[in-house]
C-alpha atoms as a PDB file:
ATOM      1  CA  UNK A   1      -0.053   0.239   0.016  1.00  0.00           C
ATOM      2  CA  UNK A   2       2.899   2.542   1.017  1.00  0.00           C
ATOM      3  CA  UNK A   3       4.506   2.062  -2.692  1.00  0.00           C
ATOM      4  CA  UNK A   4       1.109   2.318  -4.350  1.00  0.00           C
ATOM      5  CA  UNK A   5       1.034   5.698  -2.516  1.00  0.00           C
ATOM      6  CA  UNK A   6       4.675   6.999  -2.716  1.00  0.00           C
ATOM      7  CA  UNK A   7       4.152   5.725  -7.082  1.00  0.00           C
ATOM      8  CA  UNK A   8       0.735   8.126  -7.200  1.00  0.00           C
ATOM      9  CA  UNK A   9       2.719  10.949  -5.079  1.00  0.00           C
ATOM     10  CA  UNK A  10       5.647  10.394  -7.304  1.00  0.00           C
ATOM     11  CA  UNK A  11       3.851  10.422 -10.486  1.00  0.00           C
ATOM     12  CA  UNK A  12       1.790  13.417  -9.768  1.00  0.00           C
ATOM     13  CA  UNK A  13       4.849  15.696  -9.106  1.00  0.00           C
ATOM     14  CA  UNK A  14       6.843  14.669 -12.579  1.00  0.00           C
ATOM     15  CA  UNK A  15       3.988  15.834 -14.086  1.00  0.00           C
ATOM     16  CA  UNK A  16       4.678  13.237 -16.976  1.00  0.00           C
ATOM     17  CA  UNK A  17       1.475  11.440 -16.364  1.00  0.00           C
ATOM     18  CA  UNK A  18      -1.089  12.782 -19.172  1.00  0.00           C
ATOM     19  CA  UNK A  19      -4.879  11.793 -19.668  1.00  0.00           C
ATOM     20  CA  UNK A  20      -5.518  14.428 -22.013  1.00  0.00           C
ATOM     21  CA  UNK A  21      -7.367  14.485 -25.224  1.00  0.00           C
ATOM     22  CA  UNK A  22      -6.954  16.711 -28.103  1.00  0.00           C
ATOM     23  CA  UNK A  23     -10.563  16.950 -28.914  1.00  0.00           C
ATOM     24  CA  UNK A  24     -13.603  15.318 -26.908  1.00  0.00           C
ATOM     25  CA  UNK A  25     -16.916  15.027 -28.352  1.00  0.00           C
ATOM     26  CA  UNK A  26     -20.300  14.916 -26.521  1.00  0.00           C
ATOM     27  CA  UNK A  27     -22.242  12.305 -28.983  1.00  0.00           C
ATOM     28  CA  UNK A  28     -25.404  13.239 -28.018  1.00  0.00           C
ATOM     29  CA  UNK A  29     -25.165  17.215 -29.019  1.00  0.00           C
ATOM     30  CA  UNK A  30     -24.079  16.215 -32.662  1.00  0.00           C
ATOM     31  CA  UNK A  31     -26.907  16.111 -35.259  1.00  0.00           C
ATOM     32  CA  UNK A  32     -25.162  14.836 -38.329  1.00  0.00           C
ATOM     33  CA  UNK A  33     -22.097  12.326 -37.432  1.00  0.00           C
ATOM     34  CA  UNK A  34     -20.549  13.550 -41.117  1.00  0.00           C
ATOM     35  CA  UNK A  35     -19.374  16.592 -39.350  1.00  0.00           C
ATOM     36  CA  UNK A  36     -16.950  14.724 -37.335  1.00  0.00           C
ATOM     37  CA  UNK A  37     -15.065  13.167 -40.724  1.00  0.00           C
ATOM     38  CA  UNK A  38     -12.049  15.339 -39.974  1.00  0.00           C
ATOM     39  CA  UNK A  39     -11.679  13.712 -36.710  1.00  0.00           C
ATOM     40  CA  UNK A  40     -11.726  10.344 -37.849  1.00  0.00           C
ATOM     41  CA  UNK A  41      -9.658  10.962 -41.034  1.00  0.00           C
ATOM     42  CA  UNK A  42      -6.640  13.214 -39.403  1.00  0.00           C
ATOM     43  CA  UNK A  43      -6.690  12.051 -35.592  1.00  0.00           C
ATOM     44  CA  UNK A  44      -4.510   8.663 -34.971  1.00  0.00           C
ATOM     45  CA  UNK A  45      -5.370   7.814 -31.275  1.00  0.00           C
ATOM     46  CA  UNK A  46      -9.375   7.160 -30.449  1.00  0.00           C
ATOM     47  CA  UNK A  47      -8.823   6.407 -27.132  1.00  0.00           C
ATOM     48  CA  UNK A  48     -11.652   4.565 -25.466  1.00  0.00           C
ATOM     49  CA  UNK A  49     -13.049   4.546 -29.700  1.00  0.00           C
ATOM     50  CA  UNK A  50     -10.237   2.585 -30.861  1.00  0.00           C
ATOM     51  CA  UNK A  51     -12.048  -0.369 -30.815  1.00  0.00           C
ATOM     52  CA  UNK A  52     -14.132   1.110 -33.637  1.00  0.00           C
ATOM     53  CA  UNK A  53     -11.701   2.969 -35.440  1.00  0.00           C
ATOM     54  CA  UNK A  54     -10.681   0.366 -38.505  1.00  0.00           C
ATOM     55  CA  UNK A  55     -15.088   0.718 -38.476  1.00  0.00           C
ATOM     56  CA  UNK A  56     -15.369   4.198 -38.179  1.00  0.00           C
ATOM     57  CA  UNK A  57     -12.631   4.732 -40.875  1.00  0.00           C
ATOM     58  CA  UNK A  58     -13.851   2.310 -43.837  1.00  0.00           C
ATOM     59  CA  UNK A  59     -17.972   3.887 -42.869  1.00  0.00           C
ATOM     60  CA  UNK A  60     -18.934   5.709 -45.862  1.00  0.00           C
ATOM     61  CA  UNK A  61     -21.424   7.291 -43.929  1.00  0.00           C
ATOM     62  CA  UNK A  62     -21.261   7.410 -40.077  1.00  0.00           C
ATOM     63  CA  UNK A  63     -24.454   8.747 -39.528  1.00  0.00           C
ATOM     64  CA  UNK A  64     -25.329   4.876 -39.871  1.00  0.00           C
ATOM     65  CA  UNK A  65     -23.332   4.427 -36.285  1.00  0.00           C
ATOM     66  CA  UNK A  66     -25.581   6.734 -34.487  1.00  0.00           C
ATOM     67  CA  UNK A  67     -26.939   4.109 -32.152  1.00  0.00           C
ATOM     68  CA  UNK A  68     -23.179   3.583 -30.918  1.00  0.00           C
ATOM     69  CA  UNK A  69     -22.163   7.117 -30.812  1.00  0.00           C
ATOM     70  CA  UNK A  70     -25.030   7.886 -28.513  1.00  0.00           C
ATOM     71  CA  UNK A  71     -24.993   4.935 -26.297  1.00  0.00           C
ATOM     72  CA  UNK A  72     -21.276   5.797 -25.607  1.00  0.00           C
ATOM     73  CA  UNK A  73     -22.159   9.588 -24.837  1.00  0.00           C
ATOM     74  CA  UNK A  74     -18.604  11.161 -25.195  1.00  0.00           C
ATOM     75  CA  UNK A  75     -15.449  10.431 -27.047  1.00  0.00           C
ATOM     76  CA  UNK A  76     -11.720  11.441 -27.010  1.00  0.00           C
ATOM     77  CA  UNK A  77      -9.666  12.160 -29.459  1.00  0.00           C
ATOM     78  CA  UNK A  78      -5.729  12.596 -29.758  1.00  0.00           C
ATOM     79  CA  UNK A  79      -2.650  13.249 -31.803  1.00  0.00           C
ATOM     80  CA  UNK A  80      -5.085  15.549 -34.075  1.00  0.00           C
ATOM     81  CA  UNK A  81      -4.356  18.072 -36.154  1.00  0.00           C
ATOM     82  CA  UNK A  82      -5.579  21.989 -34.378  1.00  0.00           C
ATOM     83  CA  UNK A  83      -8.687  23.852 -35.767  1.00  0.00           C
ATOM     84  CA  UNK A  84     -11.355  21.003 -36.089  1.00  0.00           C
ATOM     85  CA  UNK A  85     -14.652  22.248 -35.207  1.00  0.00           C
ATOM     86  CA  UNK A  86     -18.604  21.178 -35.121  1.00  0.00           C
ATOM     87  CA  UNK A  87     -21.201  20.814 -32.798  1.00  0.00           C
ATOM     88  CA  UNK A  88     -20.303  19.119 -29.923  1.00  0.00           C
ATOM     89  CA  UNK A  89     -16.456  18.611 -30.765  1.00  0.00           C
ATOM     90  CA  UNK A  90     -14.172  20.797 -28.001  1.00  0.00           C
ATOM     91  CA  UNK A  91     -10.644  21.060 -28.069  1.00  0.00           C
ATOM     92  CA  UNK A  92      -9.872  19.948 -25.017  1.00  0.00           C
ATOM     93  CA  UNK A  93      -6.284  22.044 -24.823  1.00  0.00           C
END
């Protein structure tokens, strides 16, 4: 227990641990999921959505995945270029 606590304190002091995302997407606010196509095409890391990355990239119409996105609620996209905008898409920087 002491080692775990010490490790957590050391990690917080060094600031090397990062859980930040480039963009946070609120899927419940998106009406046209094609508006997030630039995230799908330009981001390298889909966070917890990594499981669906191939399906999203190969999808001709992201609206076909609406049920999945709304059920998930929020997504985080990392390693993305700056300047991606749209309803429900918020830069985390």
